[in-house]
Structures are given as structure tokens and as C-alpha cells.
Amino acid sequence: MSAIRIYPAAGKWVVRANGAVIGESTRALELLQRDYPFVIYFPREDIASAVLDPSDRALICDDRGRGMHFHVSSPEGMILNAGFALTDPSPEAEALKDYLAFDAGKVTVERV
């Protein structure tokens, strides 16, 4: 069995940075990976690109592949490494290639 599973995320999902909505989608995907909490991935076009600033921090995951992090600007300032994207996904994670996810400890990701 695969270490990851990807499903359409039911409903409408929103991501907020310090209260400011930076994206919302009804086309989000839900990633389940081993015993980790689920992660919601948003289509890139559903996120305000003006609030994203590429980070030098790499993303390396045995299950998902390689990618990059983003800093997210908010009304209170920059939130470091709050977003991430897979630029070179594993074959199992290929569906996430044009999507962004966020660190739920740094921004708010919720179904509305």
C-alpha cells in the first residue's frame, strides 16, 4: 500500500494569514500521509500569488518528492516558510504538482 493517499477535499476551503484571506477553493485536494495529520493542497491559481515570496528553504520528502517553501505576507508582517509546493513530486504525488499547501501552525486552513 502507498505511503500517501490523495482525495478531493469536500466543500470549500480557505487559507488565512493573520486573519486576511489569501486563498479559497472548492477544488482543493486532501493528502493523507502515514500517521500524520491530513494536509489540504490548494490549486496555485486559487491563492493570491502577490502574498507569496519564495524561500531558500528546500522541501525534501521521501514520500512526496522535492519542492520549495514560501514566506507569506500578512497584515502583521511576513510569516516565514508558511507555504510549500512540490516542484519535483514523486510519481505517487504527481497530482499535487500545481498545488500549494500551508503550515497549519503558522496560518489558518479551514473548511467553510
C-alpha atoms as a PDB file:
ATOM      1  CA  MET A   1       0.000   0.000   0.000  1.00  0.00           C
ATOM      2  CA  SER A   2       1.152   3.510  -0.799  1.00  0.00           C
ATOM      3  CA  ALA A   3       2.500   5.736   1.972  1.00  0.00           C
ATOM      4  CA  ILE A   4       0.328   8.595   0.673  1.00  0.00           C
ATOM      5  CA  ARG A   5      -3.260   8.926  -0.478  1.00  0.00           C
ATOM      6  CA  ILE A   6      -4.771  11.922  -2.265  1.00  0.00           C
ATOM      7  CA  TYR A   7      -8.505  12.707  -2.392  1.00  0.00           C
ATOM      8  CA  PRO A   8     -10.666  15.633  -3.478  1.00  0.00           C
ATOM      9  CA  ALA A   9     -11.278  17.720  -0.342  1.00  0.00           C
ATOM     10  CA  ALA A  10     -15.026  18.036   0.168  1.00  0.00           C
ATOM     11  CA  GLY A  11     -16.504  21.520   0.395  1.00  0.00           C
ATOM     12  CA  LYS A  12     -14.951  24.969   0.240  1.00  0.00           C
ATOM     13  CA  TRP A  13     -11.549  25.549   1.888  1.00  0.00           C
ATOM     14  CA  VAL A  14      -9.941  28.836   2.860  1.00  0.00           C
ATOM     15  CA  VAL A  15      -6.459  29.844   3.990  1.00  0.00           C
ATOM     16  CA  ARG A  16      -5.920  32.963   6.119  1.00  0.00           C
ATOM     17  CA  ALA A  17      -2.701  34.693   7.137  1.00  0.00           C
ATOM     18  CA  ASN A  18      -3.260  36.582  10.398  1.00  0.00           C
ATOM     19  CA  GLY A  19      -6.964  36.835   9.539  1.00  0.00           C
ATOM     20  CA  ALA A  20      -6.547  38.011   5.921  1.00  0.00           C
ATOM     21  CA  VAL A  21      -7.917  35.583   3.320  1.00  0.00           C
ATOM     22  CA  ILE A  22      -5.140  34.715   0.874  1.00  0.00           C
ATOM     23  CA  GLY A  23      -6.982  31.950  -0.950  1.00  0.00           C
ATOM     24  CA  GLU A  24     -10.078  29.811  -1.162  1.00  0.00           C
ATOM     25  CA  SER A  25     -11.025  26.828  -3.254  1.00  0.00           C
ATOM     26  CA  THR A  26     -13.668  24.233  -3.951  1.00  0.00           C
ATOM     27  CA  ARG A  27     -11.021  22.251  -5.883  1.00  0.00           C
ATOM     28  CA  ALA A  28      -8.612  21.524  -3.033  1.00  0.00           C
ATOM     29  CA  LEU A  29      -7.010  18.125  -2.523  1.00  0.00           C
ATOM     30  CA  GLU A  30      -6.529  16.286   0.766  1.00  0.00           C
ATOM     31  CA  LEU A  31      -3.285  14.426   1.366  1.00  0.00           C
ATOM     32  CA  LEU A  32      -3.112  11.601   3.889  1.00  0.00           C
ATOM     33  CA  GLN A  33       0.453  10.539   4.658  1.00  0.00           C
ATOM     34  CA  ARG A  34       1.208   7.707   7.048  1.00  0.00           C
ATOM     35  CA  ASP A  35       0.113   8.710  10.570  1.00  0.00           C
ATOM     36  CA  TYR A  36       0.493  12.490  10.016  1.00  0.00           C
ATOM     37  CA  PRO A  37      -2.493  14.872  10.186  1.00  0.00           C
ATOM     38  CA  PHE A  38      -4.114  15.455   6.787  1.00  0.00           C
ATOM     39  CA  VAL A  39      -2.875  18.377   4.658  1.00  0.00           C
ATOM     40  CA  ILE A  40      -5.015  20.440   2.300  1.00  0.00           C
ATOM     41  CA  TYR A  41      -3.435  21.419  -1.026  1.00  0.00           C
ATOM     42  CA  PHE A  42      -4.852  24.409  -2.919  1.00  0.00           C
ATOM     43  CA  PRO A  43      -4.621  24.909  -6.705  1.00  0.00           C
ATOM     44  CA  ARG A  44      -1.995  27.613  -7.296  1.00  0.00           C
ATOM     45  CA  GLU A  45      -4.460  29.793  -9.175  1.00  0.00           C
ATOM     46  CA  ASP A  46      -6.735  29.869  -6.104  1.00  0.00           C
ATOM     47  CA  ILE A  47      -4.049  31.526  -3.945  1.00  0.00           C
ATOM     48  CA  ALA A  48      -3.133  35.235  -4.161  1.00  0.00           C
ATOM     49  CA  SER A  49       0.351  34.993  -5.652  1.00  0.00           C
ATOM     50  CA  ALA A  50       1.194  38.545  -4.531  1.00  0.00           C
ATOM     51  CA  VAL A  51       1.422  37.344  -0.897  1.00  0.00           C
ATOM     52  CA  LEU A  52       3.947  34.579  -1.656  1.00  0.00           C
ATOM     53  CA  ASP A  53       7.695  35.143  -1.545  1.00  0.00           C
ATOM     54  CA  PRO A  54       9.972  32.191  -2.428  1.00  0.00           C
ATOM     55  CA  SER A  55      12.143  30.958   0.436  1.00  0.00           C
ATOM     56  CA  ASP A  56      15.616  29.416   0.252  1.00  0.00           C
ATOM     57  CA  ARG A  57      14.359  26.506   2.377  1.00  0.00           C
ATOM     58  CA  ALA A  58      14.064  23.295   0.371  1.00  0.00           C
ATOM     59  CA  LEU A  59      11.353  20.676   0.829  1.00  0.00           C
ATOM     60  CA  ILE A  60      12.593  17.097   0.706  1.00  0.00           C
ATOM     61  CA  CYS A  61      10.202  14.235   1.456  1.00  0.00           C
ATOM     62  CA  ASP A  62      10.718  10.530   0.851  1.00  0.00           C
ATOM     63  CA  ASP A  63       7.027  10.063   0.001  1.00  0.00           C
ATOM     64  CA  ARG A  64       6.092  13.290  -1.796  1.00  0.00           C
ATOM     65  CA  GLY A  65       9.299  14.324  -3.572  1.00  0.00           C
ATOM     66  CA  ARG A  66      11.088  17.674  -3.639  1.00  0.00           C
ATOM     67  CA  GLY A  67       9.840  21.212  -3.525  1.00  0.00           C
ATOM     68  CA  MET A  68      10.208  24.667  -2.060  1.00  0.00           C
ATOM     69  CA  HIS A  69       8.833  26.825   0.724  1.00  0.00           C
ATOM     70  CA  PHE A  70       7.267  30.273   0.569  1.00  0.00           C
ATOM     71  CA  HIS A  71       7.084  33.121   3.038  1.00  0.00           C
ATOM     72  CA  VAL A  72       3.557  34.573   3.278  1.00  0.00           C
ATOM     73  CA  SER A  73       2.955  38.280   3.748  1.00  0.00           C
ATOM     74  CA  SER A  74       0.142  39.254   6.084  1.00  0.00           C
ATOM     75  CA  PRO A  75      -1.210  42.456   7.646  1.00  0.00           C
ATOM     76  CA  GLU A  76       1.142  41.881  10.628  1.00  0.00           C
ATOM     77  CA  GLY A  77       4.212  41.113   8.512  1.00  0.00           C
ATOM     78  CA  MET A  78       5.960  38.195   6.849  1.00  0.00           C
ATOM     79  CA  ILE A  79       5.225  34.643   8.049  1.00  0.00           C
ATOM     80  CA  LEU A  80       8.391  32.679   7.320  1.00  0.00           C
ATOM     81  CA  ASN A  81       8.194  29.364   5.465  1.00  0.00           C
ATOM     82  CA  ALA A  82       4.415  29.168   5.883  1.00  0.00           C
ATOM     83  CA  GLY A  83       3.646  27.688   2.455  1.00  0.00           C
ATOM     84  CA  PHE A  84       5.153  24.958   0.318  1.00  0.00           C
ATOM     85  CA  ALA A  85       4.858  23.386  -3.109  1.00  0.00           C
ATOM     86  CA  LEU A  86       6.167  20.259  -4.777  1.00  0.00           C
ATOM     87  CA  THR A  87       8.283  21.218  -7.790  1.00  0.00           C
ATOM     88  CA  ASP A  88       9.531  17.660  -8.397  1.00  0.00           C
ATOM     89  CA  PRO A  89       6.850  15.351  -6.977  1.00  0.00           C
ATOM     90  CA  SER A  90       7.220  11.611  -6.606  1.00  0.00           C
ATOM     91  CA  PRO A  91       5.073   9.554  -9.004  1.00  0.00           C
ATOM     92  CA  GLU A  92       2.576   8.975  -6.159  1.00  0.00           C
ATOM     93  CA  ALA A  93       2.286  12.732  -5.512  1.00  0.00           C
ATOM     94  CA  GLU A  94       2.157  13.895  -9.155  1.00  0.00           C
ATOM     95  CA  ALA A  95      -1.431  15.149  -8.656  1.00  0.00           C
ATOM     96  CA  LEU A  96      -0.062  17.807  -6.243  1.00  0.00           C
ATOM     97  CA  LYS A  97       2.392  19.366  -8.741  1.00  0.00           C
ATOM     98  CA  ASP A  98       0.434  22.589  -9.393  1.00  0.00           C
ATOM     99  CA  TYR A  99      -0.822  22.951  -5.810  1.00  0.00           C
ATOM    100  CA  LEU A 100       0.262  24.811  -2.678  1.00  0.00           C
ATOM    101  CA  ALA A 101      -0.087  23.729   0.926  1.00  0.00           C
ATOM    102  CA  PHE A 102       0.407  25.637   4.158  1.00  0.00           C
ATOM    103  CA  ASP A 103       1.758  25.034   7.642  1.00  0.00           C
ATOM    104  CA  ALA A 104      -1.410  24.957   9.743  1.00  0.00           C
ATOM    105  CA  GLY A 105       0.669  26.047  12.745  1.00  0.00           C
ATOM    106  CA  LYS A 106       1.528  29.338  11.011  1.00  0.00           C
ATOM    107  CA  VAL A 107      -1.647  30.168   9.033  1.00  0.00           C
ATOM    108  CA  THR A 108      -5.277  29.090   9.304  1.00  0.00           C
ATOM    109  CA  VAL A 109      -6.562  26.428   6.894  1.00  0.00           C
ATOM    110  CA  GLU A 110     -10.214  25.528   7.334  1.00  0.00           C
ATOM    111  CA  ARG A 111     -13.333  24.315   5.609  1.00  0.00           C
ATOM    112  CA  VAL A 112     -16.054  26.955   5.449  1.00  0.00           C
END
